[in-house]
Amino acid sequence: MSQKLGFLEDLGLSEPSSACNDVKCPFHGKVKVRGRVIKGEVVSDKMVRNVVVQINYLHYIKKYRRYERRKSRIPAHNPPCIGAKTGDRVVIGETRPLSKTVHFVVLGKVK
């Protein structure tokens, strides 16, 4: 495993067994993961080599002293060696901007 992704063992992930020649892959390409690492569910895989990951969280409303459910949808690059599909639970990591809207990359599937 490469030294730049040493935190994957803490998340219960490992380097994919299949290889790819994608430049934007954190394992086989030149993209470095830095910043936030988030778990979420893939809700769309219709883009080419990209997926949309939905993050569910609770937000506290001080006035009513209650929580409300919120969600964020984050587009992420999906390398061919991982190949996440709709319904998969994945871990995504923040990278440099890969395109106009994509700033995250899929690091692996969570069982």
N, C-alpha and C. Protein backbone atom coordinates (compact mmCIF):
# COMPACT_ATOMS: atom_id res chain seq x y z
N MET A 1 0.84 -1.18 0.00
CA MET A 1 0.00 0.00 0.00
C MET A 1 0.88 1.23 0.00
N SER A 2 0.44 2.25 -0.68
CA SER A 2 1.22 3.48 -0.75
C SER A 2 1.16 4.22 0.57
N GLN A 3 2.19 4.98 0.85
CA GLN A 3 2.29 5.69 2.11
C GLN A 3 1.28 6.81 2.23
N LYS A 4 0.80 7.38 1.10
CA LYS A 4 -0.12 8.51 1.17
C LYS A 4 -1.53 8.10 1.59
N LEU A 5 -1.86 6.81 1.54
CA LEU A 5 -3.19 6.35 1.95
C LEU A 5 -3.09 5.40 3.14
N GLY A 6 -2.23 5.71 4.09
CA GLY A 6 -2.03 4.86 5.25
C GLY A 6 -3.21 4.85 6.22
N PHE A 7 -4.12 5.81 6.11
CA PHE A 7 -5.26 5.89 7.03
C PHE A 7 -6.38 4.92 6.64
N LEU A 8 -6.26 4.21 5.53
CA LEU A 8 -7.33 3.31 5.09
C LEU A 8 -7.54 2.14 6.05
N GLU A 9 -6.48 1.68 6.71
CA GLU A 9 -6.65 0.58 7.67
C GLU A 9 -7.55 0.99 8.82
N ASP A 10 -7.48 2.27 9.23
CA ASP A 10 -8.33 2.76 10.32
C ASP A 10 -9.80 2.74 9.93
N LEU A 11 -10.09 2.87 8.64
CA LEU A 11 -11.47 2.87 8.15
C LEU A 11 -11.95 1.48 7.77
N GLY A 12 -11.07 0.48 7.86
CA GLY A 12 -11.45 -0.88 7.48
C GLY A 12 -11.43 -1.12 5.99
N LEU A 13 -10.64 -0.34 5.26
CA LEU A 13 -10.55 -0.47 3.81
C LEU A 13 -9.15 -0.95 3.43
N SER A 14 -9.04 -1.48 2.22
CA SER A 14 -7.74 -1.89 1.71
C SER A 14 -7.64 -1.46 0.25
N GLU A 15 -6.42 -1.53 -0.29
CA GLU A 15 -6.20 -1.15 -1.68
C GLU A 15 -6.90 -2.16 -2.59
N PRO A 16 -7.55 -1.71 -3.68
CA PRO A 16 -8.26 -2.63 -4.57
C PRO A 16 -7.30 -3.62 -5.23
N SER A 17 -7.79 -4.85 -5.44
CA SER A 17 -6.95 -5.89 -6.02
C SER A 17 -6.76 -5.69 -7.52
N SER A 18 -7.76 -5.15 -8.21
CA SER A 18 -7.63 -4.92 -9.65
C SER A 18 -6.91 -3.60 -9.90
N ALA A 19 -6.19 -3.53 -10.99
CA ALA A 19 -5.44 -2.33 -11.34
C ALA A 19 -6.21 -1.54 -12.40
N CYS A 20 -5.93 -0.25 -12.46
CA CYS A 20 -6.53 0.60 -13.49
C CYS A 20 -5.47 1.60 -13.94
N ASN A 21 -5.71 2.22 -15.07
CA ASN A 21 -4.78 3.24 -15.56
C ASN A 21 -5.42 4.62 -15.56
N ASP A 22 -6.29 4.87 -14.57
CA ASP A 22 -6.97 6.14 -14.42
C ASP A 22 -6.05 7.14 -13.74
N VAL A 23 -5.86 8.31 -14.33
CA VAL A 23 -4.98 9.33 -13.77
C VAL A 23 -5.56 9.90 -12.47
N LYS A 24 -6.90 9.90 -12.35
CA LYS A 24 -7.57 10.47 -11.18
C LYS A 24 -7.83 9.45 -10.08
N CYS A 25 -7.23 8.26 -10.16
CA CYS A 25 -7.37 7.23 -9.13
C CYS A 25 -6.38 7.51 -8.01
N PRO A 26 -6.81 7.47 -6.73
CA PRO A 26 -5.87 7.73 -5.63
C PRO A 26 -4.88 6.59 -5.43
N PHE A 27 -5.17 5.40 -5.93
CA PHE A 27 -4.28 4.25 -5.77
C PHE A 27 -3.29 4.10 -6.92
N HIS A 28 -3.75 4.30 -8.16
CA HIS A 28 -2.93 4.05 -9.34
C HIS A 28 -2.63 5.31 -10.13
N GLY A 29 -3.13 6.45 -9.70
CA GLY A 29 -2.94 7.70 -10.41
C GLY A 29 -2.11 8.68 -9.61
N LYS A 30 -2.32 9.97 -9.88
CA LYS A 30 -1.51 11.01 -9.25
C LYS A 30 -2.33 11.92 -8.33
N VAL A 31 -3.48 11.47 -7.87
CA VAL A 31 -4.34 12.28 -7.02
C VAL A 31 -4.04 11.98 -5.55
N LYS A 32 -3.85 13.04 -4.76
CA LYS A 32 -3.60 12.89 -3.33
C LYS A 32 -4.88 13.19 -2.57
N VAL A 33 -5.13 12.41 -1.53
CA VAL A 33 -6.32 12.60 -0.68
C VAL A 33 -5.90 13.45 0.51
N ARG A 34 -6.61 14.57 0.72
CA ARG A 34 -6.35 15.41 1.88
C ARG A 34 -7.66 16.05 2.29
N GLY A 35 -7.79 16.40 3.55
CA GLY A 35 -9.01 17.04 4.02
C GLY A 35 -10.00 16.04 4.58
N ARG A 36 -11.27 16.22 4.25
CA ARG A 36 -12.36 15.43 4.84
C ARG A 36 -12.43 14.03 4.25
N VAL A 37 -12.80 13.07 5.11
CA VAL A 37 -13.09 11.70 4.70
C VAL A 37 -14.48 11.39 5.23
N ILE A 38 -15.41 11.02 4.33
CA ILE A 38 -16.83 10.91 4.66
C ILE A 38 -17.38 9.57 4.21
N LYS A 39 -18.33 9.02 5.00
CA LYS A 39 -19.06 7.82 4.59
C LYS A 39 -20.44 8.23 4.10
N GLY A 40 -20.93 7.55 3.05
CA GLY A 40 -22.23 7.85 2.51
C GLY A 40 -22.73 6.74 1.61
N GLU A 41 -23.86 6.97 0.97
CA GLU A 41 -24.49 5.98 0.10
C GLU A 41 -24.57 6.53 -1.32
N VAL A 42 -24.23 5.67 -2.29
CA VAL A 42 -24.30 6.08 -3.69
C VAL A 42 -25.77 6.09 -4.12
N VAL A 43 -26.24 7.24 -4.62
CA VAL A 43 -27.63 7.36 -5.05
C VAL A 43 -27.76 7.46 -6.56
N SER A 44 -26.63 7.72 -7.27
CA SER A 44 -26.67 7.79 -8.72
C SER A 44 -25.31 7.41 -9.27
N ASP A 45 -25.32 6.58 -10.32
CA ASP A 45 -24.07 6.23 -11.00
C ASP A 45 -24.22 6.41 -12.51
N LYS A 46 -25.00 7.39 -12.92
CA LYS A 46 -25.30 7.59 -14.34
C LYS A 46 -24.19 8.34 -15.08
N MET A 47 -23.33 9.04 -14.36
CA MET A 47 -22.23 9.76 -15.02
C MET A 47 -21.10 8.78 -15.36
N VAL A 48 -20.27 9.17 -16.29
CA VAL A 48 -19.12 8.35 -16.67
C VAL A 48 -18.02 8.54 -15.64
N ARG A 49 -17.64 7.47 -14.94
CA ARG A 49 -16.59 7.46 -13.91
C ARG A 49 -16.87 8.41 -12.75
N ASN A 50 -18.11 8.78 -12.52
CA ASN A 50 -18.48 9.61 -11.38
C ASN A 50 -19.76 9.06 -10.76
N VAL A 51 -19.92 9.30 -9.46
CA VAL A 51 -21.13 8.91 -8.75
C VAL A 51 -21.58 10.09 -7.89
N VAL A 52 -22.84 10.05 -7.44
CA VAL A 52 -23.36 11.03 -6.50
C VAL A 52 -23.57 10.30 -5.18
N VAL A 53 -22.93 10.80 -4.12
CA VAL A 53 -22.99 10.19 -2.79
C VAL A 53 -23.84 11.07 -1.90
N GLN A 54 -24.82 10.45 -1.21
CA GLN A 54 -25.70 11.20 -0.31
C GLN A 54 -25.24 11.00 1.13
N ILE A 55 -25.12 12.11 1.86
CA ILE A 55 -24.72 12.12 3.26
C ILE A 55 -25.92 12.57 4.07
N ASN A 56 -26.37 11.75 5.03
CA ASN A 56 -27.47 12.12 5.92
C ASN A 56 -26.90 12.55 7.27
N TYR A 57 -27.44 13.64 7.82
CA TYR A 57 -26.96 14.13 9.11
C TYR A 57 -28.09 14.85 9.83
N LEU A 58 -27.90 15.15 11.11
CA LEU A 58 -28.87 15.87 11.92
C LEU A 58 -28.38 17.30 12.17
N HIS A 59 -29.29 18.25 12.09
CA HIS A 59 -28.98 19.65 12.35
C HIS A 59 -29.86 20.14 13.50
N TYR A 60 -29.24 20.76 14.51
CA TYR A 60 -29.96 21.20 15.69
C TYR A 60 -30.59 22.57 15.45
N ILE A 61 -31.90 22.70 15.79
CA ILE A 61 -32.62 23.98 15.71
C ILE A 61 -32.75 24.51 17.13
N LYS A 62 -32.02 25.57 17.42
CA LYS A 62 -31.94 26.08 18.78
C LYS A 62 -33.29 26.59 19.29
N LYS A 63 -34.05 27.26 18.43
CA LYS A 63 -35.33 27.85 18.84
C LYS A 63 -36.31 26.79 19.34
N TYR A 64 -36.38 25.66 18.65
CA TYR A 64 -37.35 24.62 19.01
C TYR A 64 -36.73 23.49 19.82
N ARG A 65 -35.41 23.57 20.07
CA ARG A 65 -34.69 22.56 20.84
C ARG A 65 -34.90 21.16 20.30
N ARG A 66 -34.84 21.06 18.99
CA ARG A 66 -35.02 19.76 18.32
C ARG A 66 -34.03 19.64 17.17
N TYR A 67 -33.93 18.42 16.67
CA TYR A 67 -33.07 18.15 15.51
C TYR A 67 -33.94 17.95 14.27
N GLU A 68 -33.39 18.31 13.12
CA GLU A 68 -34.05 18.01 11.87
C GLU A 68 -33.08 17.22 11.00
N ARG A 69 -33.64 16.35 10.17
CA ARG A 69 -32.82 15.57 9.25
C ARG A 69 -32.48 16.40 8.04
N ARG A 70 -31.21 16.33 7.64
CA ARG A 70 -30.77 17.01 6.43
C ARG A 70 -29.93 16.04 5.61
N LYS A 71 -29.70 16.41 4.34
CA LYS A 71 -28.88 15.56 3.48
C LYS A 71 -28.07 16.43 2.56
N SER A 72 -26.93 15.92 2.15
CA SER A 72 -26.07 16.56 1.17
C SER A 72 -25.78 15.54 0.08
N ARG A 73 -25.74 16.01 -1.15
CA ARG A 73 -25.40 15.14 -2.27
C ARG A 73 -24.08 15.63 -2.85
N ILE A 74 -23.07 14.76 -2.81
CA ILE A 74 -21.72 15.13 -3.20
C ILE A 74 -21.30 14.32 -4.42
N PRO A 75 -20.96 14.97 -5.53
CA PRO A 75 -20.42 14.22 -6.67
C PRO A 75 -18.99 13.81 -6.38
N ALA A 76 -18.65 12.57 -6.72
CA ALA A 76 -17.31 12.04 -6.46
C ALA A 76 -16.84 11.22 -7.65
N HIS A 77 -15.52 11.23 -7.88
CA HIS A 77 -14.94 10.43 -8.96
C HIS A 77 -14.92 8.96 -8.53
N ASN A 78 -15.31 8.08 -9.44
CA ASN A 78 -15.40 6.64 -9.16
C ASN A 78 -14.40 5.90 -10.06
N PRO A 79 -13.21 5.56 -9.55
CA PRO A 79 -12.22 4.88 -10.39
C PRO A 79 -12.72 3.51 -10.84
N PRO A 80 -12.28 3.03 -12.02
CA PRO A 80 -12.73 1.72 -12.51
C PRO A 80 -12.30 0.56 -11.61
N CYS A 81 -11.21 0.72 -10.84
CA CYS A 81 -10.76 -0.37 -9.97
C CYS A 81 -11.69 -0.56 -8.77
N ILE A 82 -12.50 0.45 -8.43
CA ILE A 82 -13.46 0.33 -7.32
C ILE A 82 -14.84 0.01 -7.86
N GLY A 83 -15.33 0.77 -8.82
CA GLY A 83 -16.58 0.48 -9.50
C GLY A 83 -17.81 0.46 -8.60
N ALA A 84 -18.05 1.53 -7.85
CA ALA A 84 -19.21 1.60 -6.97
C ALA A 84 -20.49 1.76 -7.80
N LYS A 85 -21.56 1.12 -7.35
CA LYS A 85 -22.86 1.18 -8.01
C LYS A 85 -23.90 1.79 -7.07
N THR A 86 -25.08 2.07 -7.59
CA THR A 86 -26.16 2.63 -6.78
C THR A 86 -26.52 1.68 -5.65
N GLY A 87 -26.64 2.23 -4.44
CA GLY A 87 -26.98 1.44 -3.26
C GLY A 87 -25.79 1.03 -2.43
N ASP A 88 -24.57 1.19 -2.93
CA ASP A 88 -23.37 0.83 -2.17
C ASP A 88 -23.07 1.89 -1.13
N ARG A 89 -22.60 1.44 0.06
CA ARG A 89 -22.08 2.35 1.07
C ARG A 89 -20.60 2.54 0.78
N VAL A 90 -20.15 3.78 0.65
CA VAL A 90 -18.78 4.05 0.26
C VAL A 90 -18.13 5.07 1.20
N VAL A 91 -16.81 5.11 1.14
CA VAL A 91 -16.02 6.13 1.81
C VAL A 91 -15.41 7.01 0.73
N ILE A 92 -15.59 8.33 0.87
CA ILE A 92 -15.04 9.27 -0.10
C ILE A 92 -14.05 10.19 0.61
N GLY A 93 -13.04 10.64 -0.12
CA GLY A 93 -12.03 11.53 0.44
C GLY A 93 -11.89 12.77 -0.41
N GLU A 94 -11.57 13.88 0.24
CA GLU A 94 -11.44 15.16 -0.46
C GLU A 94 -10.10 15.22 -1.20
N THR A 95 -10.12 15.79 -2.39
CA THR A 95 -8.93 15.95 -3.21
C THR A 95 -8.90 17.36 -3.78
N ARG A 96 -7.94 17.61 -4.63
CA ARG A 96 -7.94 18.86 -5.38
C ARG A 96 -9.14 18.85 -6.32
N PRO A 97 -9.58 19.97 -6.87
CA PRO A 97 -10.68 19.95 -7.82
C PRO A 97 -10.35 19.11 -9.05
N LEU A 98 -11.18 18.09 -9.31
CA LEU A 98 -10.98 17.21 -10.46
C LEU A 98 -11.76 17.69 -11.67
N SER A 99 -12.82 18.46 -11.45
CA SER A 99 -13.60 19.08 -12.51
C SER A 99 -14.36 20.24 -11.89
N LYS A 100 -15.33 20.78 -12.60
CA LYS A 100 -16.06 21.94 -12.09
C LYS A 100 -16.79 21.63 -10.79
N THR A 101 -17.37 20.44 -10.67
CA THR A 101 -18.16 20.11 -9.48
C THR A 101 -17.56 19.01 -8.63
N VAL A 102 -16.59 18.26 -9.13
CA VAL A 102 -16.07 17.08 -8.42
C VAL A 102 -14.81 17.45 -7.64
N HIS A 103 -14.88 17.28 -6.29
CA HIS A 103 -13.74 17.54 -5.41
C HIS A 103 -13.48 16.36 -4.49
N PHE A 104 -14.16 15.24 -4.70
CA PHE A 104 -14.00 14.05 -3.88
C PHE A 104 -13.73 12.85 -4.77
N VAL A 105 -13.15 11.79 -4.19
CA VAL A 105 -12.88 10.56 -4.92
C VAL A 105 -13.30 9.38 -4.04
N VAL A 106 -13.84 8.33 -4.64
CA VAL A 106 -14.27 7.15 -3.88
C VAL A 106 -13.03 6.37 -3.48
N LEU A 107 -12.91 6.06 -2.17
CA LEU A 107 -11.75 5.33 -1.66
C LEU A 107 -12.05 3.84 -1.52
N GLY A 108 -13.30 3.46 -1.36
CA GLY A 108 -13.64 2.05 -1.24
C GLY A 108 -15.07 1.85 -0.80
N LYS A 109 -15.51 0.59 -0.90
CA LYS A 109 -16.86 0.21 -0.47
C LYS A 109 -16.81 -0.29 0.97
N VAL A 110 -17.83 0.05 1.75
CA VAL A 110 -17.95 -0.41 3.12
C VAL A 110 -18.89 -1.60 3.13
N LYS A 111 -18.49 -2.66 3.78
CA LYS A 111 -19.33 -3.86 3.81
C LYS A 111 -20.50 -3.67 4.74
